[in-house]
Amino acid sequence: MKSIFEEMGGTYSDINGYLIPNLSMPDSLPLGKWGRMRRRFLKEHRPALYSSMLLTGSLDQHLTEIDHSCEEQLELITRQLATKEGMTEALKASNQME
């Protein structure tokens, strides 16, 4: 008789007479600065939310979205500041040469 785990495609390893399920975590993308900061904030200040997201498997996706969103905002703000200050490619090139 197969277990539910085996019916779903799971396998076991026999270690010293004990059947241990072969489990692995899905590969996750490396996080940038903002994703790591968000993870640390959730861990330290919102432990219940952190645990809930970790257990449901939504934490990695959330952290990746936060990291991507923050990078977009940083690029947008940088472009706006450069435009406001009159920074052009020609000005940057002349400053690098000096």
C-alpha atoms as a PDB file:
ATOM      1  CA  MET A   1       0.000   0.000   0.000  1.00  0.00           C
ATOM      2  CA  LYS A   2       1.412   3.380  -1.054  1.00  0.00           C
ATOM      3  CA  SER A   3       1.368   6.409   1.182  1.00  0.00           C
ATOM      4  CA  ILE A   4      -0.228   9.668   0.044  1.00  0.00           C
ATOM      5  CA  PHE A   5       3.285  11.073  -0.320  1.00  0.00           C
ATOM      6  CA  GLU A   6       4.240   8.277  -2.734  1.00  0.00           C
ATOM      7  CA  GLU A   7       0.982   8.648  -4.679  1.00  0.00           C
ATOM      8  CA  MET A   8       1.849  12.309  -5.231  1.00  0.00           C
ATOM      9  CA  GLY A   9       5.246  11.332  -6.671  1.00  0.00           C
ATOM     10  CA  GLY A  10       7.339  11.555  -3.503  1.00  0.00           C
ATOM     11  CA  THR A  11      10.210   9.193  -2.798  1.00  0.00           C
ATOM     12  CA  TYR A  12      11.966   7.941   0.314  1.00  0.00           C
ATOM     13  CA  SER A  13      15.562   7.119   1.240  1.00  0.00           C
ATOM     14  CA  ASP A  14      16.309   4.147   3.496  1.00  0.00           C
ATOM     15  CA  ILE A  15      18.706   5.367   6.199  1.00  0.00           C
ATOM     16  CA  ASN A  16      19.551   2.815   8.898  1.00  0.00           C
ATOM     17  CA  GLY A  17      16.189   1.102   8.460  1.00  0.00           C
ATOM     18  CA  TYR A  18      14.199   4.348   8.574  1.00  0.00           C
ATOM     19  CA  LEU A  19      12.399   5.706   5.521  1.00  0.00           C
ATOM     20  CA  ILE A  20      13.162   9.417   5.252  1.00  0.00           C
ATOM     21  CA  PRO A  21      11.248  11.479   2.653  1.00  0.00           C
ATOM     22  CA  ASN A  22      13.401  13.096  -0.016  1.00  0.00           C
ATOM     23  CA  LEU A  23      12.462  16.743   0.425  1.00  0.00           C
ATOM     24  CA  SER A  24      14.114  19.794  -1.064  1.00  0.00           C
ATOM     25  CA  MET A  25      13.478  23.507  -1.131  1.00  0.00           C
ATOM     26  CA  PRO A  26      12.745  25.122  -4.503  1.00  0.00           C
ATOM     27  CA  ASP A  27      15.546  27.216  -5.936  1.00  0.00           C
ATOM     28  CA  SER A  28      15.150  30.900  -5.157  1.00  0.00           C
ATOM     29  CA  LEU A  29      16.661  33.888  -6.888  1.00  0.00           C
ATOM     30  CA  PRO A  30      19.398  35.794  -5.083  1.00  0.00           C
ATOM     31  CA  LEU A  31      18.017  38.830  -3.280  1.00  0.00           C
ATOM     32  CA  GLY A  32      19.333  42.335  -3.624  1.00  0.00           C
ATOM     33  CA  LYS A  33      19.832  44.899  -0.896  1.00  0.00           C
ATOM     34  CA  TRP A  34      16.165  45.868  -0.574  1.00  0.00           C
ATOM     35  CA  GLY A  35      14.869  42.290  -0.414  1.00  0.00           C
ATOM     36  CA  ARG A  36      17.368  41.416   2.310  1.00  0.00           C
ATOM     37  CA  MET A  37      16.421  44.535   4.279  1.00  0.00           C
ATOM     38  CA  ARG A  38      12.709  43.657   4.011  1.00  0.00           C
ATOM     39  CA  ARG A  39      13.375  40.086   5.179  1.00  0.00           C
ATOM     40  CA  ARG A  40      15.307  41.366   8.203  1.00  0.00           C
ATOM     41  CA  PHE A  41      12.524  43.868   9.024  1.00  0.00           C
ATOM     42  CA  LEU A  42       9.840  41.172   8.834  1.00  0.00           C
ATOM     43  CA  LYS A  43      11.917  38.794  10.946  1.00  0.00           C
ATOM     44  CA  GLU A  44      12.617  41.361  13.675  1.00  0.00           C
ATOM     45  CA  HIS A  45       9.423  43.449  13.735  1.00  0.00           C
ATOM     46  CA  ARG A  46       6.671  41.272  12.205  1.00  0.00           C
ATOM     47  CA  PRO A  47       7.579  37.704  13.209  1.00  0.00           C
ATOM     48  CA  ALA A  48       4.033  36.359  12.830  1.00  0.00           C
ATOM     49  CA  LEU A  49       3.744  37.674   9.264  1.00  0.00           C
ATOM     50  CA  TYR A  50       7.259  36.412   8.468  1.00  0.00           C
ATOM     51  CA  SER A  51       6.432  32.911   9.745  1.00  0.00           C
ATOM     52  CA  SER A  52       3.101  32.851   7.932  1.00  0.00           C
ATOM     53  CA  MET A  53       4.671  33.879   4.625  1.00  0.00           C
ATOM     54  CA  LEU A  54       7.520  31.424   5.093  1.00  0.00           C
ATOM     55  CA  LEU A  55       5.149  28.528   5.795  1.00  0.00           C
ATOM     56  CA  THR A  56       2.828  29.321   2.866  1.00  0.00           C
ATOM     57  CA  GLY A  57       5.765  29.727   0.479  1.00  0.00           C
ATOM     58  CA  SER A  58       4.965  33.323  -0.434  1.00  0.00           C
ATOM     59  CA  LEU A  59       7.992  34.930   1.253  1.00  0.00           C
ATOM     60  CA  ASP A  60      10.450  34.555  -1.651  1.00  0.00           C
ATOM     61  CA  GLN A  61       7.999  36.009  -4.152  1.00  0.00           C
ATOM     62  CA  HIS A  62       7.205  38.922  -1.817  1.00  0.00           C
ATOM     63  CA  LEU A  63      10.888  39.696  -1.240  1.00  0.00           C
ATOM     64  CA  THR A  64      11.644  39.530  -4.963  1.00  0.00           C
ATOM     65  CA  GLU A  65       8.756  41.911  -5.717  1.00  0.00           C
ATOM     66  CA  ILE A  66       9.931  44.355  -3.031  1.00  0.00           C
ATOM     67  CA  ASP A  67      13.497  44.260  -4.343  1.00  0.00           C
ATOM     68  CA  HIS A  68      12.369  44.830  -7.943  1.00  0.00           C
ATOM     69  CA  SER A  69      10.004  47.651  -6.960  1.00  0.00           C
ATOM     70  CA  CYS A  70      12.650  49.455  -4.900  1.00  0.00           C
ATOM     71  CA  GLU A  71      15.216  49.209  -7.707  1.00  0.00           C
ATOM     72  CA  GLU A  72      12.700  50.748 -10.135  1.00  0.00           C
ATOM     73  CA  GLN A  73      11.957  53.571  -7.686  1.00  0.00           C
ATOM     74  CA  LEU A  74      15.686  54.228  -7.194  1.00  0.00           C
ATOM     75  CA  GLU A  75      16.252  54.449 -10.951  1.00  0.00           C
ATOM     76  CA  LEU A  76      13.268  56.788 -11.358  1.00  0.00           C
ATOM     77  CA  ILE A  77      14.413  59.107  -8.559  1.00  0.00           C
ATOM     78  CA  THR A  78      17.979  59.129  -9.900  1.00  0.00           C
ATOM     79  CA  ARG A  79      16.761  60.103 -13.391  1.00  0.00           C
ATOM     80  CA  GLN A  80      14.508  62.830 -11.964  1.00  0.00           C
ATOM     81  CA  LEU A  81      17.340  64.305  -9.876  1.00  0.00           C
ATOM     82  CA  ALA A  82      19.723  64.228 -12.841  1.00  0.00           C
ATOM     83  CA  THR A  83      17.150  66.033 -14.986  1.00  0.00           C
ATOM     84  CA  LYS A  84      16.441  68.595 -12.270  1.00  0.00           C
ATOM     85  CA  GLU A  85      20.143  69.346 -11.779  1.00  0.00           C
ATOM     86  CA  GLY A  86      20.791  69.531 -15.531  1.00  0.00           C
ATOM     87  CA  MET A  87      23.103  66.531 -15.588  1.00  0.00           C
ATOM     88  CA  THR A  88      23.722  65.360 -19.158  1.00  0.00           C
ATOM     89  CA  GLU A  89      25.901  62.663 -20.698  1.00  0.00           C
ATOM     90  CA  ALA A  90      28.196  65.375 -22.106  1.00  0.00           C
ATOM     91  CA  LEU A  91      28.638  66.901 -18.632  1.00  0.00           C
ATOM     92  CA  LYS A  92      29.383  63.496 -17.117  1.00  0.00           C
ATOM     93  CA  ALA A  93      31.956  62.765 -19.835  1.00  0.00           C
ATOM     94  CA  SER A  94      33.710  66.123 -19.356  1.00  0.00           C
ATOM     95  CA  ASN A  95      33.901  65.592 -15.562  1.00  0.00           C
ATOM     96  CA  GLN A  96      35.391  62.129 -16.002  1.00  0.00           C
ATOM     97  CA  MET A  97      38.098  63.482 -18.291  1.00  0.00           C
ATOM     98  CA  GLU A  98      39.219  66.098 -15.779  1.00  0.00           C
END
